[in-house]
């Protein structure tokens, strides 16, 4: 079992919350995290825009494909797909 001396030694080894918050390293870590969060948000916005554009492009291609099939049918042609 741990006695009071062992517990006191453990307390001395580990930093307290106040010691961590007041250290300059903590401020640098917060700043780095904020920069990372900003970068992730910017990437997520770009990815969302890209996926929306791809969805619109898919619909456009499908619409053109239907038009081509209708034209081929009226001209009596058979469209071959590879």
C-alpha atoms as a PDB file:
ATOM      1  CA  UNK A   1       0.000   0.000   0.000  1.00  0.00           C
ATOM      2  CA  UNK A   2       1.004   3.573  -0.496  1.00  0.00           C
ATOM      3  CA  UNK A   3       1.725   5.625   2.547  1.00  0.00           C
ATOM      4  CA  UNK A   4       1.625   9.416   2.875  1.00  0.00           C
ATOM      5  CA  UNK A   5       5.275   9.795   1.847  1.00  0.00           C
ATOM      6  CA  UNK A   6       4.694   7.834  -1.389  1.00  0.00           C
ATOM      7  CA  UNK A   7       1.638   9.900  -2.235  1.00  0.00           C
ATOM      8  CA  UNK A   8       3.562  13.136  -1.571  1.00  0.00           C
ATOM      9  CA  UNK A   9       6.345  11.955  -3.902  1.00  0.00           C
ATOM     10  CA  UNK A  10       3.778  11.276  -6.629  1.00  0.00           C
ATOM     11  CA  UNK A  11       2.254  14.718  -6.195  1.00  0.00           C
ATOM     12  CA  UNK A  12       5.695  16.305  -6.551  1.00  0.00           C
ATOM     13  CA  UNK A  13       6.412  14.374  -9.779  1.00  0.00           C
ATOM     14  CA  UNK A  14       3.192  15.208 -11.595  1.00  0.00           C
ATOM     15  CA  UNK A  15       2.337  18.763 -12.564  1.00  0.00           C
ATOM     16  CA  UNK A  16      -0.818  20.350 -11.266  1.00  0.00           C
ATOM     17  CA  UNK A  17      -3.443  21.860 -13.542  1.00  0.00           C
ATOM     18  CA  UNK A  18      -2.390  25.386 -12.528  1.00  0.00           C
ATOM     19  CA  UNK A  19       1.219  24.669 -13.431  1.00  0.00           C
ATOM     20  CA  UNK A  20       0.237  23.371 -16.848  1.00  0.00           C
ATOM     21  CA  UNK A  21      -2.135  26.220 -17.694  1.00  0.00           C
ATOM     22  CA  UNK A  22       0.363  28.927 -16.758  1.00  0.00           C
ATOM     23  CA  UNK A  23       3.244  27.512 -18.772  1.00  0.00           C
ATOM     24  CA  UNK A  24       4.079  29.157 -22.121  1.00  0.00           C
ATOM     25  CA  UNK A  25       4.153  25.717 -23.733  1.00  0.00           C
ATOM     26  CA  UNK A  26       0.421  25.399 -23.061  1.00  0.00           C
ATOM     27  CA  UNK A  27      -0.262  28.677 -24.869  1.00  0.00           C
ATOM     28  CA  UNK A  28       1.792  27.496 -27.840  1.00  0.00           C
ATOM     29  CA  UNK A  29      -0.134  24.222 -27.862  1.00  0.00           C
ATOM     30  CA  UNK A  30      -3.464  26.086 -27.824  1.00  0.00           C
ATOM     31  CA  UNK A  31      -2.276  28.263 -30.704  1.00  0.00           C
ATOM     32  CA  UNK A  32      -1.163  25.237 -32.719  1.00  0.00           C
ATOM     33  CA  UNK A  33      -4.472  23.499 -32.069  1.00  0.00           C
ATOM     34  CA  UNK A  34      -6.403  26.569 -33.227  1.00  0.00           C
ATOM     35  CA  UNK A  35      -4.325  26.690 -36.421  1.00  0.00           C
ATOM     36  CA  UNK A  36      -4.978  22.999 -37.022  1.00  0.00           C
ATOM     37  CA  UNK A  37      -8.702  23.453 -36.429  1.00  0.00           C
ATOM     38  CA  UNK A  38      -8.806  26.346 -38.899  1.00  0.00           C
ATOM     39  CA  UNK A  39      -7.008  24.234 -41.508  1.00  0.00           C
ATOM     40  CA  UNK A  40      -9.393  21.304 -41.038  1.00  0.00           C
ATOM     41  CA  UNK A  41     -12.408  23.613 -41.352  1.00  0.00           C
ATOM     42  CA  UNK A  42     -11.035  25.112 -44.575  1.00  0.00           C
ATOM     43  CA  UNK A  43     -10.388  21.645 -46.028  1.00  0.00           C
ATOM     44  CA  UNK A  44     -13.867  20.453 -45.038  1.00  0.00           C
ATOM     45  CA  UNK A  45     -15.425  23.435 -46.806  1.00  0.00           C
ATOM     46  CA  UNK A  46     -13.430  22.754 -49.974  1.00  0.00           C
ATOM     47  CA  UNK A  47     -14.314  19.053 -49.869  1.00  0.00           C
ATOM     48  CA  UNK A  48     -18.006  19.872 -49.444  1.00  0.00           C
ATOM     49  CA  UNK A  49     -17.903  22.217 -52.439  1.00  0.00           C
ATOM     50  CA  UNK A  50     -16.123  19.568 -54.510  1.00  0.00           C
ATOM     51  CA  UNK A  51     -18.687  16.880 -53.657  1.00  0.00           C
ATOM     52  CA  UNK A  52     -21.544  19.224 -54.548  1.00  0.00           C
ATOM     53  CA  UNK A  53     -19.914  19.984 -57.902  1.00  0.00           C
ATOM     54  CA  UNK A  54     -19.442  16.265 -58.587  1.00  0.00           C
ATOM     55  CA  UNK A  55     -23.107  15.597 -57.799  1.00  0.00           C
ATOM     56  CA  UNK A  56     -24.182  18.330 -60.227  1.00  0.00           C
ATOM     57  CA  UNK A  57     -21.794  17.036 -62.882  1.00  0.00           C
ATOM     58  CA  UNK A  58     -23.185  13.514 -62.500  1.00  0.00           C
ATOM     59  CA  UNK A  59     -26.719  14.776 -63.058  1.00  0.00           C
ATOM     60  CA  UNK A  60     -25.590  16.745 -66.102  1.00  0.00           C
ATOM     61  CA  UNK A  61     -23.825  13.739 -67.646  1.00  0.00           C
ATOM     62  CA  UNK A  62     -26.880  11.538 -67.026  1.00  0.00           C
ATOM     63  CA  UNK A  63     -29.120  14.127 -68.686  1.00  0.00           C
ATOM     64  CA  UNK A  64     -26.827  14.305 -71.739  1.00  0.00           C
ATOM     65  CA  UNK A  65     -26.695  10.518 -71.938  1.00  0.00           C
ATOM     66  CA  UNK A  66     -30.501  10.346 -72.041  1.00  0.00           C
ATOM     67  CA  UNK A  67     -30.564  12.943 -74.820  1.00  0.00           C
ATOM     68  CA  UNK A  68     -28.033  10.946 -76.833  1.00  0.00           C
ATOM     69  CA  UNK A  69     -30.061   7.755 -76.356  1.00  0.00           C
ATOM     70  CA  UNK A  70     -33.226   9.512 -77.581  1.00  0.00           C
ATOM     71  CA  UNK A  71     -31.390  10.902 -80.631  1.00  0.00           C
ATOM     72  CA  UNK A  72     -29.914   7.508 -81.451  1.00  0.00           C
ATOM     73  CA  UNK A  73     -33.353   5.899 -81.135  1.00  0.00           C
ATOM     74  CA  UNK A  74     -34.905   8.452 -83.506  1.00  0.00           C
ATOM     75  CA  UNK A  75     -32.066   7.976 -85.990  1.00  0.00           C
ATOM     76  CA  UNK A  76     -32.332   4.213 -85.760  1.00  0.00           C
ATOM     77  CA  UNK A  77     -28.847   3.770 -84.405  1.00  0.00           C
ATOM     78  CA  UNK A  78     -27.666   1.463 -81.670  1.00  0.00           C
ATOM     79  CA  UNK A  79     -25.331   2.918 -79.056  1.00  0.00           C
ATOM     80  CA  UNK A  80     -22.556   0.594 -77.949  1.00  0.00           C
ATOM     81  CA  UNK A  81     -21.186   0.890 -74.445  1.00  0.00           C
ATOM     82  CA  UNK A  82     -17.785  -0.470 -73.663  1.00  0.00           C
END
